Amino acid sequence: MSVKIRMRRMGAKNDMSFRVVATSSRSPRDGRYLELLGWYDPEMKGDNFGLKLDRIDHWKSKGAIISDTVLSLIKKAKKAAKK
């Protein structure tokens, strides 16, 4: 089973938010997931995301593929953690 770390869409039509999840690559975008790894809300100002970086590193060590959008969030989170 190939695991991907990607975003899952939540919320209403014009009021969306996202969850960062580890899921099977065969699962649909909003389908079942293995583990919830964080969240992202594009409507919030300031700190609009939260990630469990230790669990993301765990899945990455197991061979999980990270989507481009989640990768940019990880870079922002690591940059904020250094400050």
N, C-alpha and C. Protein backbone atom coordinates (compact mmCIF):
# COMPACT_ATOMS: atom_id res chain seq x y z
N MET A 1 0.85 -1.18 0.00
CA MET A 1 0.00 0.00 0.00
C MET A 1 0.90 1.24 0.00
N SER A 2 0.67 2.12 -0.93
CA SER A 2 1.41 3.37 -1.02
C SER A 2 0.66 4.45 -0.23
N VAL A 3 1.40 5.13 0.63
CA VAL A 3 0.79 6.15 1.50
C VAL A 3 1.17 7.53 0.99
N LYS A 4 0.19 8.43 0.98
CA LYS A 4 0.41 9.82 0.61
C LYS A 4 -0.02 10.71 1.76
N ILE A 5 0.69 11.82 1.91
CA ILE A 5 0.29 12.84 2.87
C ILE A 5 -0.25 13.99 2.04
N ARG A 6 -1.55 14.25 2.18
CA ARG A 6 -2.21 15.25 1.35
C ARG A 6 -3.32 15.93 2.13
N MET A 7 -3.99 16.86 1.46
CA MET A 7 -5.06 17.61 2.11
C MET A 7 -6.42 16.99 1.80
N ARG A 8 -7.30 17.07 2.79
CA ARG A 8 -8.67 16.59 2.66
C ARG A 8 -9.58 17.78 2.87
N ARG A 9 -10.48 18.03 1.93
CA ARG A 9 -11.34 19.20 2.00
C ARG A 9 -12.49 18.98 2.97
N MET A 10 -12.76 20.02 3.77
CA MET A 10 -13.84 20.00 4.74
C MET A 10 -14.65 21.28 4.58
N GLY A 11 -15.80 21.35 5.21
CA GLY A 11 -16.57 22.58 5.24
C GLY A 11 -17.57 22.69 4.11
N ALA A 12 -18.19 23.85 4.02
CA ALA A 12 -19.24 24.11 3.05
C ALA A 12 -18.66 24.60 1.72
N LYS A 13 -19.54 24.89 0.78
CA LYS A 13 -19.12 25.26 -0.57
C LYS A 13 -18.21 26.48 -0.61
N ASN A 14 -18.60 27.57 0.01
CA ASN A 14 -17.79 28.78 0.00
C ASN A 14 -17.11 29.05 1.35
N ASP A 15 -17.08 28.07 2.21
CA ASP A 15 -16.47 28.20 3.53
C ASP A 15 -15.66 26.94 3.81
N MET A 16 -14.60 26.73 3.03
CA MET A 16 -13.85 25.49 3.12
C MET A 16 -12.67 25.61 4.07
N SER A 17 -12.29 24.48 4.60
CA SER A 17 -11.05 24.34 5.36
C SER A 17 -10.50 22.97 4.99
N PHE A 18 -9.29 22.69 5.41
CA PHE A 18 -8.63 21.46 5.01
C PHE A 18 -8.02 20.76 6.20
N ARG A 19 -7.92 19.45 6.11
CA ARG A 19 -7.20 18.64 7.07
C ARG A 19 -6.04 17.99 6.34
N VAL A 20 -4.92 17.91 6.99
CA VAL A 20 -3.76 17.23 6.43
C VAL A 20 -3.81 15.80 6.97
N VAL A 21 -3.83 14.82 6.05
CA VAL A 21 -4.00 13.43 6.44
C VAL A 21 -2.98 12.53 5.74
N ALA A 22 -2.73 11.39 6.37
CA ALA A 22 -1.99 10.31 5.73
C ALA A 22 -3.04 9.33 5.23
N THR A 23 -2.99 9.01 3.94
CA THR A 23 -4.02 8.17 3.35
C THR A 23 -3.42 7.25 2.29
N SER A 24 -4.15 6.25 1.94
CA SER A 24 -3.74 5.37 0.84
C SER A 24 -3.83 6.14 -0.46
N SER A 25 -2.92 5.88 -1.37
CA SER A 25 -2.93 6.62 -2.64
C SER A 25 -4.16 6.28 -3.48
N ARG A 26 -4.81 5.18 -3.17
CA ARG A 26 -6.01 4.78 -3.93
C ARG A 26 -7.29 5.39 -3.39
N SER A 27 -7.24 5.97 -2.20
CA SER A 27 -8.43 6.57 -1.60
C SER A 27 -8.80 7.86 -2.32
N PRO A 28 -10.10 8.18 -2.41
CA PRO A 28 -10.49 9.47 -2.99
C PRO A 28 -10.09 10.63 -2.08
N ARG A 29 -10.13 11.85 -2.60
CA ARG A 29 -9.67 13.02 -1.86
C ARG A 29 -10.32 13.14 -0.49
N ASP A 30 -11.62 12.94 -0.41
CA ASP A 30 -12.34 13.10 0.85
C ASP A 30 -12.72 11.76 1.48
N GLY A 31 -12.04 10.70 1.07
CA GLY A 31 -12.35 9.36 1.57
C GLY A 31 -11.67 9.05 2.89
N ARG A 32 -11.57 7.76 3.18
CA ARG A 32 -10.98 7.32 4.44
C ARG A 32 -9.51 7.69 4.51
N TYR A 33 -9.03 7.87 5.73
CA TYR A 33 -7.62 8.19 5.92
C TYR A 33 -7.07 7.36 7.07
N LEU A 34 -5.75 7.26 7.11
CA LEU A 34 -5.07 6.47 8.13
C LEU A 34 -4.86 7.27 9.42
N GLU A 35 -4.45 8.53 9.26
CA GLU A 35 -4.18 9.35 10.44
C GLU A 35 -4.34 10.83 10.11
N LEU A 36 -4.89 11.57 11.05
CA LEU A 36 -5.02 13.02 10.93
C LEU A 36 -3.72 13.66 11.41
N LEU A 37 -3.09 14.48 10.55
CA LEU A 37 -1.78 15.03 10.85
C LEU A 37 -1.79 16.54 11.06
N GLY A 38 -2.89 17.21 10.76
CA GLY A 38 -2.94 18.65 10.95
C GLY A 38 -4.14 19.27 10.27
N TRP A 39 -4.14 20.60 10.21
CA TRP A 39 -5.25 21.34 9.60
C TRP A 39 -4.72 22.59 8.93
N TYR A 40 -5.56 23.15 8.03
CA TYR A 40 -5.24 24.39 7.34
C TYR A 40 -6.54 25.11 7.04
N ASP A 41 -6.63 26.39 7.43
CA ASP A 41 -7.82 27.20 7.18
C ASP A 41 -7.40 28.46 6.43
N PRO A 42 -7.65 28.53 5.11
CA PRO A 42 -7.20 29.67 4.32
C PRO A 42 -7.90 30.98 4.67
N GLU A 43 -9.03 30.95 5.36
CA GLU A 43 -9.77 32.16 5.70
C GLU A 43 -9.23 32.86 6.95
N MET A 44 -8.52 32.14 7.79
CA MET A 44 -8.00 32.72 9.03
C MET A 44 -6.83 33.64 8.74
N LYS A 45 -6.68 34.64 9.57
CA LYS A 45 -5.54 35.55 9.49
C LYS A 45 -4.46 35.09 10.46
N GLY A 46 -3.22 35.33 10.11
CA GLY A 46 -2.12 34.97 11.01
C GLY A 46 -1.78 33.49 10.93
N ASP A 47 -1.78 32.84 12.10
CA ASP A 47 -1.42 31.42 12.19
C ASP A 47 -2.61 30.57 11.74
N ASN A 48 -2.65 30.22 10.45
CA ASN A 48 -3.82 29.55 9.89
C ASN A 48 -3.62 28.06 9.63
N PHE A 49 -2.61 27.45 10.26
CA PHE A 49 -2.43 26.01 10.11
C PHE A 49 -1.74 25.43 11.33
N GLY A 50 -1.90 24.14 11.50
CA GLY A 50 -1.23 23.42 12.58
C GLY A 50 -0.87 22.04 12.08
N LEU A 51 0.35 21.60 12.35
CA LEU A 51 0.83 20.31 11.88
C LEU A 51 1.50 19.54 13.00
N LYS A 52 1.38 18.22 12.96
CA LYS A 52 2.10 17.33 13.87
C LYS A 52 3.36 16.89 13.13
N LEU A 53 4.43 17.67 13.28
CA LEU A 53 5.65 17.42 12.50
C LEU A 53 6.30 16.09 12.86
N ASP A 54 6.19 15.65 14.11
CA ASP A 54 6.79 14.37 14.48
C ASP A 54 6.09 13.20 13.77
N ARG A 55 4.78 13.28 13.66
CA ARG A 55 4.04 12.21 12.97
C ARG A 55 4.26 12.26 11.45
N ILE A 56 4.43 13.46 10.91
CA ILE A 56 4.73 13.58 9.49
C ILE A 56 6.09 12.97 9.20
N ASP A 57 7.07 13.21 10.07
CA ASP A 57 8.39 12.60 9.91
C ASP A 57 8.31 11.08 10.02
N HIS A 58 7.45 10.59 10.91
CA HIS A 58 7.25 9.14 11.04
C HIS A 58 6.75 8.54 9.72
N TRP A 59 5.72 9.14 9.15
CA TRP A 59 5.17 8.62 7.90
C TRP A 59 6.16 8.77 6.74
N LYS A 60 6.91 9.86 6.76
CA LYS A 60 7.93 10.08 5.73
C LYS A 60 9.01 9.01 5.80
N SER A 61 9.38 8.61 7.02
CA SER A 61 10.38 7.55 7.18
C SER A 61 9.86 6.19 6.70
N LYS A 62 8.55 6.02 6.70
CA LYS A 62 7.94 4.78 6.22
C LYS A 62 7.76 4.79 4.70
N GLY A 63 8.10 5.92 4.04
CA GLY A 63 8.03 5.98 2.58
C GLY A 63 6.84 6.73 2.03
N ALA A 64 6.18 7.52 2.85
CA ALA A 64 5.01 8.28 2.39
C ALA A 64 5.44 9.37 1.41
N ILE A 65 4.59 9.62 0.43
CA ILE A 65 4.81 10.67 -0.56
C ILE A 65 4.04 11.90 -0.11
N ILE A 66 4.70 13.05 -0.08
CA ILE A 66 4.08 14.28 0.39
C ILE A 66 3.69 15.14 -0.80
N SER A 67 2.44 15.66 -0.79
CA SER A 67 1.98 16.52 -1.88
C SER A 67 2.71 17.87 -1.82
N ASP A 68 2.71 18.59 -2.93
CA ASP A 68 3.42 19.86 -3.01
C ASP A 68 2.86 20.90 -2.03
N THR A 69 1.54 20.95 -1.90
CA THR A 69 0.91 21.92 -1.01
C THR A 69 1.26 21.65 0.45
N VAL A 70 1.22 20.39 0.84
CA VAL A 70 1.57 20.03 2.21
C VAL A 70 3.05 20.29 2.46
N LEU A 71 3.88 20.05 1.46
CA LEU A 71 5.31 20.31 1.59
C LEU A 71 5.58 21.78 1.87
N SER A 72 4.84 22.68 1.23
CA SER A 72 5.02 24.11 1.49
C SER A 72 4.56 24.46 2.91
N LEU A 73 3.51 23.82 3.41
CA LEU A 73 3.07 24.05 4.79
C LEU A 73 4.12 23.55 5.79
N ILE A 74 4.74 22.42 5.48
CA ILE A 74 5.78 21.87 6.36
C ILE A 74 6.97 22.82 6.43
N LYS A 75 7.35 23.39 5.30
CA LYS A 75 8.46 24.34 5.29
C LYS A 75 8.14 25.56 6.13
N LYS A 76 6.91 26.07 6.05
CA LYS A 76 6.49 27.22 6.85
C LYS A 76 6.49 26.87 8.34
N ALA A 77 6.03 25.66 8.68
CA ALA A 77 5.97 25.25 10.08
C ALA A 77 7.37 25.10 10.66
N LYS A 78 8.29 24.53 9.90
CA LYS A 78 9.67 24.37 10.38
C LYS A 78 10.35 25.72 10.52
N LYS A 79 10.05 26.64 9.63
CA LYS A 79 10.62 27.98 9.70
C LYS A 79 10.10 28.70 10.94
N ALA A 80 8.80 28.54 11.24
CA ALA A 80 8.20 29.18 12.42
C ALA A 80 8.73 28.54 13.69
N ALA A 81 9.02 27.24 13.66
CA ALA A 81 9.51 26.55 14.86
C ALA A 81 10.93 27.00 15.21
N LYS A 82 11.70 27.41 14.22
CA LYS A 82 13.07 27.85 14.49
C LYS A 82 13.10 29.20 15.19
N LYS A 83 12.08 30.02 15.00
CA LYS A 83 12.04 31.37 15.60
C LYS A 83 11.73 31.35 17.05
